[in-house]
């Protein structure tokens, strides 16, 4: 029996929700104000919370935000039940950290179905806690560029999905573009908690359970840590906390991927230092090439060997870009991967929050990223056929076999 807390200042809603959910096997408790609801939630620790928006003391959006600041409710499903039906209202619900938005008057069968789905997802997350499966440390990959707009986040998201899909082992995407991170948006996943929720914790006091409270999960089973939602919150994330977090995370995951900011801040430097591979992104235009040259010069001064960083050329222009050969000559570095011009498809996937690697793995650019993920994977895993190969592994292996025959 699941315990459900309804926070609403209308007694009639208490009765309607209770009469709807109790026959479905749930236990329902109620609160008549936002503050009462927050207090009762901390006492009863419900499995799911339903909250109204317009109440006498504080709005339901603020109730949701306050609950999400508490590690206890990091993964608790929250459903906003309100008479407000506009798109901006739905966005406010999700931005506050809600999992779903239902409009009053509600259809009883629809409410039962949505509650069932949310509880099922929460159970799956609890059962599938991350735990690294391999004996060796996590393979860590960083996506970096000193110039924005070249597709770093797009590659990071799709590459992380590819790692997760091929090996079906715990994989984590870490959004370190803390001033303007977009990973949660690209994955169309409710923004519940971010790095900002643990920045007040001394690095020496950080524990795995607390760290897990800011880890979200995409429907593909990829885990990710979202960036803070405001520049003020972003400034509170210091490199020493990140280092402490990474020490806890590496034994829990087989693959960790960083989406880095366009700089060489302390946070970026620590991420680069711990990465097995650095994917340096650039576009075929002069400013991007100059930025890449500066990044490579810095990598060399930091003592990173040339085999550690890979040059990724993203053809963001349909025509007129600098040829690959001239870029390689200018940088003295071989281009490892060329991403073809599929600008419209990438933009559409971002707008709907469904990455191409997830929605259409048969798309040529998806197969390119999938094969590249296999190339970057742990050597031992590449040499061994999984006991139960994933569909993604089968696709990669089939393409590899076909290339060997040619």
Protein backbone atom coordinates (compact mmCIF):
# COMPACT_ATOMS: atom_id res chain seq x y z
CA UNK A 1 0.00 0.00 0.00
CA UNK A 2 1.44 3.36 -1.05
CA UNK A 3 1.13 6.40 1.22
CA UNK A 4 -0.02 9.51 -0.61
CA UNK A 5 -0.11 13.04 0.81
CA UNK A 6 -2.55 15.56 -0.70
CA UNK A 7 -1.71 19.23 -0.03
CA UNK A 8 -4.71 21.39 -0.95
CA UNK A 9 -6.75 24.04 0.86
CA UNK A 10 -10.07 22.77 -0.54
CA UNK A 11 -11.73 19.98 1.55
CA UNK A 12 -13.72 18.88 -1.49
CA UNK A 13 -10.48 18.03 -3.30
CA UNK A 14 -9.33 16.05 -0.28
CA UNK A 15 -12.50 13.98 -0.54
CA UNK A 16 -12.36 13.55 -4.32
CA UNK A 17 -8.74 12.41 -4.34
CA UNK A 18 -9.26 10.13 -1.35
CA UNK A 19 -12.32 8.47 -2.91
CA UNK A 20 -10.39 8.07 -6.16
CA UNK A 21 -7.15 6.62 -4.81
CA UNK A 22 -8.14 4.56 -1.78
CA UNK A 23 -10.16 2.03 -3.87
CA UNK A 24 -6.98 1.60 -5.95
CA UNK A 25 -5.15 0.40 -2.84
CA UNK A 26 -3.50 3.62 -1.64
CA UNK A 27 -3.53 5.25 1.79
CA UNK A 28 -4.31 8.99 1.58
CA UNK A 29 -3.40 11.71 4.10
CA UNK A 30 -4.25 15.40 3.67
CA UNK A 31 -2.92 18.84 4.56
CA UNK A 32 -4.83 22.14 4.20
CA UNK A 33 -1.93 24.53 3.55
CA UNK A 34 1.50 24.56 2.01
CA UNK A 35 3.40 24.84 5.30
CA UNK A 36 1.29 22.15 6.92
CA UNK A 37 1.95 19.95 3.92
CA UNK A 38 5.73 20.39 4.17
CA UNK A 39 5.67 19.57 7.87
CA UNK A 40 3.41 16.55 7.43
CA UNK A 41 5.55 15.26 4.54
CA UNK A 42 8.63 15.26 6.79
CA UNK A 43 6.72 13.34 9.45
CA UNK A 44 4.97 10.68 7.35
CA UNK A 45 7.53 10.33 4.49
CA UNK A 46 4.92 9.67 1.76
CA UNK A 47 5.55 7.61 -1.34
CA UNK A 48 3.92 10.31 -3.52
CA UNK A 49 2.80 13.91 -2.97
CA UNK A 50 -0.08 15.70 -4.71
CA UNK A 51 -0.02 19.49 -4.35
CA UNK A 52 -2.35 22.31 -5.40
CA UNK A 53 -0.91 25.56 -6.79
CA UNK A 54 -3.10 28.32 -5.34
CA UNK A 55 -3.29 28.05 -1.55
CA UNK A 56 -3.77 30.47 1.32
CA UNK A 57 -0.14 30.66 2.46
CA UNK A 58 2.37 29.64 -0.24
CA UNK A 59 1.93 28.45 -3.80
CA UNK A 60 2.32 24.82 -4.72
CA UNK A 61 5.34 25.68 -6.87
CA UNK A 62 7.14 26.95 -3.77
CA UNK A 63 6.02 23.90 -1.78
CA UNK A 64 7.54 21.70 -4.48
CA UNK A 65 10.78 23.68 -4.54
CA UNK A 66 11.14 23.51 -0.76
CA UNK A 67 10.50 19.78 -0.70
CA UNK A 68 13.10 19.24 -3.40
CA UNK A 69 15.74 21.02 -1.31
CA UNK A 70 15.41 18.21 1.25
CA UNK A 71 17.37 15.04 0.38
CA UNK A 72 14.51 13.00 1.84
CA UNK A 73 12.30 14.04 -1.09
CA UNK A 74 14.88 14.03 -3.88
CA UNK A 75 13.20 11.12 -5.64
CA UNK A 76 9.67 11.30 -4.19
CA UNK A 77 7.15 11.73 -7.05
CA UNK A 78 5.32 15.07 -6.86
CA UNK A 79 2.17 15.67 -8.91
CA UNK A 80 0.75 19.18 -9.28
CA UNK A 81 -3.07 19.11 -9.32
CA UNK A 82 -4.43 22.52 -10.29
CA UNK A 83 -7.09 24.41 -12.18
CA UNK A 84 -4.39 26.22 -14.15
CA UNK A 85 -4.07 24.60 -17.56
CA UNK A 86 -1.85 26.87 -19.66
CA UNK A 87 1.52 25.85 -21.06
CA UNK A 88 3.32 28.43 -18.84
CA UNK A 89 1.65 26.83 -15.81
CA UNK A 90 2.84 23.38 -16.80
CA UNK A 91 6.37 24.72 -17.32
CA UNK A 92 6.31 26.30 -13.85
CA UNK A 93 5.36 22.93 -12.38
CA UNK A 94 8.23 21.12 -14.05
CA UNK A 95 10.73 23.90 -13.35
CA UNK A 96 9.80 23.70 -9.66
CA UNK A 97 10.65 19.99 -9.71
CA UNK A 98 7.27 18.31 -10.21
CA UNK A 99 7.00 15.02 -12.08
CA UNK A 100 3.53 15.60 -13.54
CA UNK A 101 0.84 18.28 -13.95
CA UNK A 102 -2.85 17.37 -13.86
CA UNK A 103 -5.65 19.88 -14.45
CA UNK A 104 -8.82 20.12 -12.34
CA UNK A 105 -11.44 18.86 -12.73
CA UNK A 106 -9.63 15.57 -13.20
CA UNK A 107 -10.78 12.27 -14.59
CA UNK A 108 -10.52 9.66 -11.77
CA UNK A 109 -9.20 6.92 -14.04
CA UNK A 110 -6.57 9.30 -15.45
CA UNK A 111 -5.40 10.31 -11.97
CA UNK A 112 -5.10 6.67 -10.87
CA UNK A 113 -3.11 5.86 -14.02
CA UNK A 114 -0.71 8.78 -13.55
CA UNK A 115 -0.17 7.97 -9.88
CA UNK A 116 0.51 4.34 -10.78
CA UNK A 117 3.09 5.32 -13.39
CA UNK A 118 4.89 7.72 -11.05
CA UNK A 119 5.04 5.17 -8.23
CA UNK A 120 6.30 2.49 -10.63
CA UNK A 121 9.09 4.77 -11.88
CA UNK A 122 10.10 5.62 -8.31
CA UNK A 123 10.26 1.91 -7.44
CA UNK A 124 12.48 1.24 -10.45
CA UNK A 125 14.90 3.97 -9.38
CA UNK A 126 15.10 2.57 -5.85
CA UNK A 127 15.72 -0.96 -7.10
CA UNK A 128 18.27 0.04 -9.75
CA UNK A 129 20.69 2.02 -7.60
CA UNK A 130 23.95 2.58 -9.51
CA UNK A 131 26.69 0.10 -8.84
CA UNK A 132 29.73 -0.31 -11.06
CA UNK A 133 29.93 -3.75 -12.61
CA UNK A 134 33.55 -3.82 -13.68
CA UNK A 135 36.59 -4.32 -11.48
CA UNK A 136 38.52 -1.46 -13.06
CA UNK A 137 37.73 2.20 -12.38
CA UNK A 138 35.11 4.06 -14.37
CA UNK A 139 36.07 5.21 -17.85
CA UNK A 140 35.86 9.03 -17.72
CA UNK A 141 35.34 11.14 -20.85
CA UNK A 142 35.16 14.95 -21.01
CA UNK A 143 33.64 17.03 -23.81
CA UNK A 144 35.33 20.42 -24.00
CA UNK A 145 35.69 23.53 -26.15
CA UNK A 146 36.71 27.14 -25.56
CA UNK A 147 34.05 28.28 -28.00
CA UNK A 148 30.31 27.87 -27.49
CA UNK A 149 27.82 26.83 -30.12
CA UNK A 150 29.86 23.93 -31.50
CA UNK A 151 27.66 21.12 -30.14
CA UNK A 152 29.40 20.09 -26.91
CA UNK A 153 26.23 19.38 -24.94
CA UNK A 154 24.60 17.61 -27.88
CA UNK A 155 27.58 15.28 -28.25
CA UNK A 156 27.85 14.74 -24.49
CA UNK A 157 24.18 13.75 -24.14
CA UNK A 158 24.14 11.43 -27.16
CA UNK A 159 27.49 9.86 -26.30
CA UNK A 160 26.41 9.17 -22.73
CA UNK A 161 23.24 7.51 -24.03
CA UNK A 162 25.38 5.41 -26.36
CA UNK A 163 27.62 4.18 -23.51
CA UNK A 164 24.55 3.31 -21.47
CA UNK A 165 22.85 1.59 -24.40
CA UNK A 166 25.81 -0.50 -25.57
CA UNK A 167 26.91 -1.87 -22.22
CA UNK A 168 23.71 -1.58 -20.15
CA UNK A 169 25.85 -0.83 -17.12
CA UNK A 170 25.70 2.21 -14.80
CA UNK A 171 26.58 5.35 -16.77
CA UNK A 172 26.55 8.94 -15.53
CA UNK A 173 26.43 12.26 -17.38
CA UNK A 174 27.65 15.21 -15.28
CA UNK A 175 26.60 18.71 -16.34
CA UNK A 176 29.49 20.94 -15.29
CA UNK A 177 28.48 23.84 -17.53
CA UNK A 178 27.19 25.31 -14.29
CA UNK A 179 26.32 28.78 -15.60
CA UNK A 180 24.09 27.59 -18.41
CA UNK A 181 23.84 23.80 -18.37
CA UNK A 182 21.23 22.28 -20.66
CA UNK A 183 21.49 18.53 -20.04
CA UNK A 184 18.18 18.25 -18.15
CA UNK A 185 16.43 20.19 -20.92
CA UNK A 186 17.90 17.99 -23.65
CA UNK A 187 16.80 14.87 -21.78
CA UNK A 188 13.33 16.34 -21.10
CA UNK A 189 13.56 15.21 -17.49
CA UNK A 190 11.99 17.12 -14.55
CA UNK A 191 14.57 19.27 -12.81
CA UNK A 192 14.23 18.15 -9.19
CA UNK A 193 17.61 18.76 -7.56
CA UNK A 194 20.93 20.03 -8.90
CA UNK A 195 24.51 20.56 -7.76
CA UNK A 196 23.17 23.63 -5.90
CA UNK A 197 21.41 21.43 -3.35
CA UNK A 198 24.67 20.09 -1.92
CA UNK A 199 27.01 23.08 -2.25
CA UNK A 200 26.62 23.90 1.44
CA UNK A 201 28.04 20.49 2.42
CA UNK A 202 31.73 20.49 3.45
CA UNK A 203 33.63 18.20 1.05
CA UNK A 204 34.78 16.02 3.94
CA UNK A 205 31.17 15.44 5.02
CA UNK A 206 29.83 14.48 1.60
CA UNK A 207 28.34 10.98 1.58
CA UNK A 208 27.12 8.79 -1.25
CA UNK A 209 23.46 8.83 -0.16
CA UNK A 210 23.46 12.64 -0.14
CA UNK A 211 25.16 12.72 -3.53
CA UNK A 212 22.57 10.33 -4.93
CA UNK A 213 19.88 12.82 -3.98
CA UNK A 214 21.00 15.12 -6.81
CA UNK A 215 21.30 12.35 -9.41
CA UNK A 216 18.39 12.22 -11.83
CA UNK A 217 17.52 9.33 -14.12
CA UNK A 218 16.46 9.45 -17.76
CA UNK A 219 13.94 6.92 -19.01
CA UNK A 220 16.80 5.16 -20.84
CA UNK A 221 18.37 4.37 -17.41
CA UNK A 222 21.13 6.95 -17.95
CA UNK A 223 21.87 8.84 -14.72
CA UNK A 224 22.81 12.52 -14.77
CA UNK A 225 23.58 15.38 -12.41
CA UNK A 226 21.95 18.62 -13.60
CA UNK A 227 23.61 22.02 -13.52
CA UNK A 228 22.24 24.70 -11.16
CA UNK A 229 19.38 26.80 -12.46
CA UNK A 230 20.85 30.23 -11.73
CA UNK A 231 24.30 31.91 -11.95
CA UNK A 232 24.17 32.67 -8.22
CA UNK A 233 23.79 28.99 -7.41
CA UNK A 234 26.49 28.08 -9.93
CA UNK A 235 29.09 30.21 -8.15
CA UNK A 236 28.64 28.08 -5.03
CA UNK A 237 29.96 24.90 -6.65
CA UNK A 238 33.67 24.72 -5.82
CA UNK A 239 36.25 22.34 -7.23
CA UNK A 240 36.98 20.67 -3.87
CA UNK A 241 33.35 19.54 -3.56
CA UNK A 242 33.44 18.20 -7.11
CA UNK A 243 36.63 16.25 -6.37
CA UNK A 244 35.03 14.73 -3.27
CA UNK A 245 31.93 13.83 -5.30
CA UNK A 246 33.96 12.18 -8.04
CA UNK A 247 35.80 10.00 -5.52
CA UNK A 248 32.42 8.66 -4.41
CA UNK A 249 31.01 8.30 -7.92
CA UNK A 250 33.82 6.47 -9.72
CA UNK A 251 33.29 3.13 -7.94
CA UNK A 252 29.54 3.34 -8.64
CA UNK A 253 29.69 3.75 -12.41
CA UNK A 254 31.35 2.12 -15.38
CA UNK A 255 31.20 5.25 -17.56
CA UNK A 256 31.21 8.90 -16.50
CA UNK A 257 30.95 11.70 -19.03
CA UNK A 258 31.51 15.42 -18.32
CA UNK A 259 29.86 18.23 -20.26
CA UNK A 260 32.35 21.02 -19.50
CA UNK A 261 32.11 24.83 -19.60
CA UNK A 262 34.08 26.76 -22.20
CA UNK A 263 36.97 27.71 -19.93
CA UNK A 264 39.91 26.51 -17.87
CA UNK A 265 38.44 27.23 -14.43
CA UNK A 266 39.49 25.18 -11.40
CA UNK A 267 36.40 23.05 -11.84
CA UNK A 268 37.22 22.39 -15.50
CA UNK A 269 40.86 21.64 -14.75
CA UNK A 270 39.97 19.05 -12.13
CA UNK A 271 37.56 17.38 -14.55
CA UNK A 272 40.16 17.35 -17.32
CA UNK A 273 42.82 15.96 -14.97
CA UNK A 274 40.63 12.99 -14.07
CA UNK A 275 39.49 12.23 -17.64
CA UNK A 276 40.80 9.30 -19.64
CA UNK A 277 39.81 11.05 -22.88
CA UNK A 278 39.17 14.70 -23.72
CA UNK A 279 36.97 15.34 -26.76
CA UNK A 280 37.87 18.79 -28.09
CA UNK A 281 34.97 20.09 -30.17
CA UNK A 282 35.28 22.64 -32.95
CA UNK A 283 33.41 23.92 -35.98
CA UNK A 284 34.98 24.54 -39.42
CA UNK A 285 35.37 28.31 -38.93
CA UNK A 286 38.34 30.48 -38.03
CA UNK A 287 37.31 31.55 -34.52
CA UNK A 288 36.65 27.96 -33.54
CA UNK A 289 39.98 26.78 -34.94
CA UNK A 290 41.81 29.51 -33.01
CA UNK A 291 40.00 28.49 -29.82
CA UNK A 292 40.97 24.87 -30.44
CA UNK A 293 44.59 25.86 -30.95
CA UNK A 294 44.58 27.67 -27.61
CA UNK A 295 43.00 24.64 -25.90
CA UNK A 296 45.58 22.24 -27.37
CA UNK A 297 48.41 24.54 -26.29
CA UNK A 298 47.02 24.51 -22.75
CA UNK A 299 46.60 20.72 -22.79
CA UNK A 300 50.25 20.35 -23.73
CA UNK A 301 51.37 22.73 -20.99
CA UNK A 302 49.32 20.67 -18.53
CA UNK A 303 51.21 17.57 -19.61
CA UNK A 304 48.36 15.83 -21.42
CA UNK A 305 49.70 13.47 -24.06
CA UNK A 306 48.39 13.81 -27.62
CA UNK A 307 46.73 10.39 -27.39
CA UNK A 308 44.56 11.65 -24.54
CA UNK A 309 42.66 14.34 -26.45
CA UNK A 310 40.63 13.73 -29.60
CA UNK A 311 39.63 16.39 -32.10
CA UNK A 312 35.92 16.30 -33.01
CA UNK A 313 34.89 18.39 -36.03
CA UNK A 314 31.22 19.31 -36.11
CA UNK A 315 30.04 20.51 -39.52
CA UNK A 316 27.56 23.08 -38.28
CA UNK A 317 27.53 24.76 -41.72
CA UNK A 318 25.93 23.24 -44.78
CA UNK A 319 28.73 24.63 -46.96
CA UNK A 320 31.59 27.07 -46.89
CA UNK A 321 33.47 25.71 -43.87
CA UNK A 322 37.25 25.40 -43.63
CA UNK A 323 38.34 22.04 -45.10
CA UNK A 324 39.40 19.29 -42.72
CA UNK A 325 42.92 19.13 -44.16
CA UNK A 326 43.58 22.81 -43.48
CA UNK A 327 42.27 22.48 -39.93
CA UNK A 328 44.56 19.51 -39.27
CA UNK A 329 47.55 21.37 -40.73
CA UNK A 330 46.81 24.46 -38.63
CA UNK A 331 46.42 22.49 -35.40
CA UNK A 332 49.00 19.78 -36.04
CA UNK A 333 46.39 17.34 -34.86
CA UNK A 334 44.39 14.60 -36.58
CA UNK A 335 40.59 14.90 -36.63
CA UNK A 336 39.23 11.73 -35.03
CA UNK A 337 35.53 12.15 -35.86
CA UNK A 338 33.63 14.36 -38.28
CA UNK A 339 29.99 14.94 -37.39
CA UNK A 340 28.02 15.54 -40.60
CA UNK A 341 25.73 18.50 -41.13
CA UNK A 342 22.36 17.48 -39.67
CA UNK A 343 21.59 20.79 -38.02
CA UNK A 344 17.79 20.63 -38.41
CA UNK A 345 17.61 17.16 -36.85
CA UNK A 346 19.74 18.15 -33.89
CA UNK A 347 17.72 21.32 -33.30
CA UNK A 348 14.46 19.38 -33.44
CA UNK A 349 15.76 16.78 -30.96
CA UNK A 350 16.75 19.56 -28.56
CA UNK A 351 13.39 21.33 -28.89
CA UNK A 352 11.40 18.19 -28.07
CA UNK A 353 13.86 16.91 -25.48
CA UNK A 354 14.46 13.58 -27.21
CA UNK A 355 18.12 13.01 -28.23
CA UNK A 356 18.67 11.34 -31.58
CA UNK A 357 20.62 8.51 -29.96
CA UNK A 358 17.47 7.67 -27.98
CA UNK A 359 14.77 8.30 -30.58
CA UNK A 360 16.46 7.13 -33.76
CA UNK A 361 19.59 4.98 -33.28
CA UNK A 362 19.42 3.97 -36.95
CA UNK A 363 20.07 7.56 -38.11
CA UNK A 364 23.57 7.75 -39.69
CA UNK A 365 24.81 10.34 -37.18
CA UNK A 366 23.52 8.15 -34.34
CA UNK A 367 25.42 5.13 -35.65
CA UNK A 368 28.54 7.32 -35.89
CA UNK A 369 28.22 8.36 -32.23
CA UNK A 370 27.42 4.79 -31.16
CA UNK A 371 30.51 3.44 -32.91
CA UNK A 372 32.60 6.22 -31.38
CA UNK A 373 31.31 5.33 -27.91
CA UNK A 374 32.42 1.75 -28.51
CA UNK A 375 35.85 3.03 -29.60
CA UNK A 376 36.18 5.00 -26.34
CA UNK A 377 34.98 2.11 -24.18
CA UNK A 378 37.13 0.11 -21.79
CA UNK A 379 39.57 -2.19 -23.56
CA UNK A 380 38.52 -5.30 -21.65
CA UNK A 381 34.85 -4.75 -22.47
CA UNK A 382 35.59 -4.25 -26.16
CA UNK A 383 37.40 -7.59 -26.23
CA UNK A 384 34.62 -9.57 -24.53
CA UNK A 385 31.17 -10.37 -25.82
CA UNK A 386 28.58 -9.53 -23.15
CA UNK A 387 26.74 -12.49 -21.63
CA UNK A 388 23.49 -10.90 -22.80
CA UNK A 389 24.36 -8.46 -25.60
CA UNK A 390 22.24 -5.32 -25.81
CA UNK A 391 20.57 -4.30 -29.06
CA UNK A 392 23.06 -1.42 -29.31
CA UNK A 393 26.01 -3.82 -28.91
CA UNK A 394 24.57 -6.05 -31.63
CA UNK A 395 24.30 -3.06 -33.98
CA UNK A 396 27.90 -2.02 -33.34
CA UNK A 397 29.21 -5.55 -33.74
CA UNK A 398 27.30 -6.04 -36.99
CA UNK A 399 28.75 -2.84 -38.47
CA UNK A 400 32.23 -3.81 -37.31
CA UNK A 401 31.92 -7.27 -38.89
CA UNK A 402 30.70 -5.78 -42.17
CA UNK A 403 33.65 -3.37 -42.29
CA UNK A 404 36.12 -6.22 -41.71
CA UNK A 405 34.75 -8.10 -44.71
CA UNK A 406 35.43 -5.18 -47.07
